[in-house]
Amino acid sequence: MKILEEKENNLLNRKEVKIIVEAAKNPSFQEAENWIAEKFKAEKELIVIKGIKGKFGRNTFLITSFIYKSKEAKEKLEKKKEKKQEAQATEQIPTTQSTQQILQPKAEEKK
């Protein structure tokens, strides 16, 4: 495990970490969380894995994560992001009824 970047963000009460890990297969989010908890001596519930990126044909993976200083700081920031993502998802996905209404007239025209 090699630490690429370790930045303290006092405004958001977290440490922003980028590490490179060698593994035979793409690591899961839980495996990455365990490695970061072990390396930085942090509690698992304060860690948020933002991404795991690998390149084809290589056994190295870039893991970006945040280590929050407190549970309150994590909940305050991460809940807002979850709500925003849910709102965007509901706007973009059409309902099944409207999809069926769109498709039915086209099927009837062909007959």
C-alpha atoms as a PDB file:
ATOM      1  CA  MET A   1       0.000   0.000   0.000  1.00  0.00           C
ATOM      2  CA  LYS A   2       1.356   3.380  -1.024  1.00  0.00           C
ATOM      3  CA  ILE A   3      -0.075   6.708   0.127  1.00  0.00           C
ATOM      4  CA  LEU A   4      -0.317   9.154  -2.786  1.00  0.00           C
ATOM      5  CA  GLU A   5      -2.083  11.995  -1.036  1.00  0.00           C
ATOM      6  CA  GLU A   6      -3.117  12.675   2.538  1.00  0.00           C
ATOM      7  CA  LYS A   7      -4.783  16.033   3.061  1.00  0.00           C
ATOM      8  CA  GLU A   8      -6.360  17.357   6.250  1.00  0.00           C
ATOM      9  CA  ASN A   9      -9.586  19.288   5.559  1.00  0.00           C
ATOM     10  CA  ASN A  10     -10.395  21.150   8.771  1.00  0.00           C
ATOM     11  CA  LEU A  11     -13.398  22.946   7.297  1.00  0.00           C
ATOM     12  CA  LEU A  12     -15.234  19.651   6.677  1.00  0.00           C
ATOM     13  CA  ASN A  13     -13.671  17.804   9.658  1.00  0.00           C
ATOM     14  CA  ARG A  14     -12.146  15.033   7.596  1.00  0.00           C
ATOM     15  CA  LYS A  15      -8.950  13.652   6.139  1.00  0.00           C
ATOM     16  CA  GLU A  16      -8.924  13.099   2.377  1.00  0.00           C
ATOM     17  CA  VAL A  17      -6.792  10.121   1.373  1.00  0.00           C
ATOM     18  CA  LYS A  18      -5.664   8.617  -1.934  1.00  0.00           C
ATOM     19  CA  ILE A  19      -3.792   5.323  -1.841  1.00  0.00           C
ATOM     20  CA  ILE A  20      -2.585   2.755  -4.351  1.00  0.00           C
ATOM     21  CA  VAL A  21      -3.060  -0.906  -3.475  1.00  0.00           C
ATOM     22  CA  GLU A  22      -1.826  -4.018  -5.260  1.00  0.00           C
ATOM     23  CA  ALA A  23      -4.355  -6.835  -5.465  1.00  0.00           C
ATOM     24  CA  ALA A  24      -5.037  -9.836  -7.708  1.00  0.00           C
ATOM     25  CA  LYS A  25      -8.646  -8.723  -8.313  1.00  0.00           C
ATOM     26  CA  ASN A  26     -10.692  -5.577  -7.948  1.00  0.00           C
ATOM     27  CA  PRO A  27     -11.064  -4.957  -4.186  1.00  0.00           C
ATOM     28  CA  SER A  28     -14.512  -4.482  -2.695  1.00  0.00           C
ATOM     29  CA  PHE A  29     -15.506  -1.372  -0.794  1.00  0.00           C
ATOM     30  CA  GLN A  30     -15.358  -3.338   2.473  1.00  0.00           C
ATOM     31  CA  GLU A  31     -11.836  -4.565   1.763  1.00  0.00           C
ATOM     32  CA  ALA A  32     -10.735  -1.010   0.992  1.00  0.00           C
ATOM     33  CA  GLU A  33     -12.408   0.209   4.175  1.00  0.00           C
ATOM     34  CA  ASN A  34     -10.561  -2.439   6.203  1.00  0.00           C
ATOM     35  CA  TRP A  35      -7.188  -1.486   4.688  1.00  0.00           C
ATOM     36  CA  ILE A  36      -7.710   2.214   5.387  1.00  0.00           C
ATOM     37  CA  ALA A  37      -8.939   1.568   8.934  1.00  0.00           C
ATOM     38  CA  GLU A  38      -5.857  -0.546   9.617  1.00  0.00           C
ATOM     39  CA  LYS A  39      -3.376   1.877   8.020  1.00  0.00           C
ATOM     40  CA  PHE A  40      -4.718   5.098   9.545  1.00  0.00           C
ATOM     41  CA  LYS A  41      -6.024   3.574  12.802  1.00  0.00           C
ATOM     42  CA  ALA A  42      -9.529   4.898  12.216  1.00  0.00           C
ATOM     43  CA  GLU A  43     -12.956   3.497  13.033  1.00  0.00           C
ATOM     44  CA  LYS A  44     -14.680   1.819  10.095  1.00  0.00           C
ATOM     45  CA  GLU A  45     -17.928   3.748  10.539  1.00  0.00           C
ATOM     46  CA  LEU A  46     -16.053   7.049  10.034  1.00  0.00           C
ATOM     47  CA  ILE A  47     -14.633   6.012   6.653  1.00  0.00           C
ATOM     48  CA  VAL A  48     -16.335   6.713   3.321  1.00  0.00           C
ATOM     49  CA  ILE A  49     -14.896   5.117   0.179  1.00  0.00           C
ATOM     50  CA  LYS A  50     -15.479   7.448  -2.762  1.00  0.00           C
ATOM     51  CA  GLY A  51     -14.045   5.284  -5.499  1.00  0.00           C
ATOM     52  CA  ILE A  52     -11.885   2.365  -6.534  1.00  0.00           C
ATOM     53  CA  LYS A  53     -10.264   2.709  -9.952  1.00  0.00           C
ATOM     54  CA  GLY A  54      -8.100   0.228 -11.791  1.00  0.00           C
ATOM     55  CA  LYS A  55      -6.592   0.040 -15.245  1.00  0.00           C
ATOM     56  CA  PHE A  56      -6.951  -2.910 -17.549  1.00  0.00           C
ATOM     57  CA  GLY A  57      -4.104  -5.389 -17.233  1.00  0.00           C
ATOM     58  CA  ARG A  58      -2.689  -3.948 -14.024  1.00  0.00           C
ATOM     59  CA  ASN A  59      -2.890  -5.191 -10.467  1.00  0.00           C
ATOM     60  CA  THR A  60      -2.845  -1.711  -8.932  1.00  0.00           C
ATOM     61  CA  PHE A  61      -5.944   0.160  -7.806  1.00  0.00           C
ATOM     62  CA  LEU A  62      -6.417   3.792  -6.784  1.00  0.00           C
ATOM     63  CA  ILE A  63      -8.676   4.162  -3.760  1.00  0.00           C
ATOM     64  CA  THR A  64     -10.027   7.586  -2.806  1.00  0.00           C
ATOM     65  CA  SER A  65     -11.647   7.973   0.580  1.00  0.00           C
ATOM     66  CA  PHE A  66     -12.607  10.342   3.371  1.00  0.00           C
ATOM     67  CA  ILE A  67     -11.913   9.697   7.049  1.00  0.00           C
ATOM     68  CA  TYR A  68     -14.198  11.833   9.195  1.00  0.00           C
ATOM     69  CA  LYS A  69     -13.256  13.004  12.679  1.00  0.00           C
ATOM     70  CA  SER A  70     -16.706  12.356  14.149  1.00  0.00           C
ATOM     71  CA  LYS A  71     -19.903  10.499  13.336  1.00  0.00           C
ATOM     72  CA  GLU A  72     -21.859  13.790  13.358  1.00  0.00           C
ATOM     73  CA  ALA A  73     -19.593  15.355  10.731  1.00  0.00           C
ATOM     74  CA  LYS A  74     -19.985  12.317   8.485  1.00  0.00           C
ATOM     75  CA  GLU A  75     -23.769  12.223   8.815  1.00  0.00           C
ATOM     76  CA  LYS A  76     -24.086  15.939   8.189  1.00  0.00           C
ATOM     77  CA  LEU A  77     -22.205  15.854   4.880  1.00  0.00           C
ATOM     78  CA  GLU A  78     -23.023  12.409   3.526  1.00  0.00           C
ATOM     79  CA  LYS A  79     -26.801  12.615   4.130  1.00  0.00           C
ATOM     80  CA  LYS A  80     -27.018  15.754   1.994  1.00  0.00           C
ATOM     81  CA  LYS A  81     -25.260  14.037  -0.880  1.00  0.00           C
ATOM     82  CA  GLU A  82     -27.530  10.976  -0.650  1.00  0.00           C
ATOM     83  CA  LYS A  83     -30.679  13.112  -0.746  1.00  0.00           C
ATOM     84  CA  LYS A  84     -29.387  15.041  -3.756  1.00  0.00           C
ATOM     85  CA  GLN A  85     -28.568  11.826  -5.639  1.00  0.00           C
ATOM     86  CA  GLU A  86     -32.018  10.372  -4.870  1.00  0.00           C
ATOM     87  CA  ALA A  87     -33.725  13.519  -6.164  1.00  0.00           C
ATOM     88  CA  GLN A  88     -31.727  13.408  -9.407  1.00  0.00           C
ATOM     89  CA  ALA A  89     -32.474   9.712  -9.886  1.00  0.00           C
ATOM     90  CA  THR A  90     -36.234  10.185  -9.530  1.00  0.00           C
ATOM     91  CA  GLU A  91     -36.233  13.025 -12.071  1.00  0.00           C
ATOM     92  CA  GLN A  92     -34.330  11.082 -14.740  1.00  0.00           C
ATOM     93  CA  ILE A  93     -36.095   7.707 -14.568  1.00  0.00           C
ATOM     94  CA  PRO A  94     -39.519   7.659 -16.244  1.00  0.00           C
ATOM     95  CA  THR A  95     -42.290   5.707 -14.558  1.00  0.00           C
ATOM     96  CA  THR A  96     -43.304   2.343 -15.990  1.00  0.00           C
ATOM     97  CA  GLN A  97     -46.858   3.524 -16.703  1.00  0.00           C
ATOM     98  CA  SER A  98     -45.729   6.402 -18.893  1.00  0.00           C
ATOM     99  CA  THR A  99     -43.315   4.088 -20.709  1.00  0.00           C
ATOM    100  CA  GLN A 100     -46.127   1.634 -21.399  1.00  0.00           C
ATOM    101  CA  GLN A 101     -48.394   4.419 -22.640  1.00  0.00           C
ATOM    102  CA  ILE A 102     -45.707   5.564 -25.049  1.00  0.00           C
ATOM    103  CA  LEU A 103     -45.038   2.073 -26.397  1.00  0.00           C
ATOM    104  CA  GLN A 104     -48.662   0.883 -26.776  1.00  0.00           C
ATOM    105  CA  PRO A 105     -49.755   3.304 -29.543  1.00  0.00           C
ATOM    106  CA  LYS A 106     -46.727   2.377 -31.651  1.00  0.00           C
ATOM    107  CA  ALA A 107     -47.540  -1.328 -31.366  1.00  0.00           C
ATOM    108  CA  GLU A 108     -51.156  -0.687 -32.384  1.00  0.00           C
ATOM    109  CA  GLU A 109     -50.085   1.378 -35.424  1.00  0.00           C
ATOM    110  CA  LYS A 110     -48.023  -1.515 -36.788  1.00  0.00           C
ATOM    111  CA  LYS A 111     -51.024  -3.901 -36.793  1.00  0.00           C
END
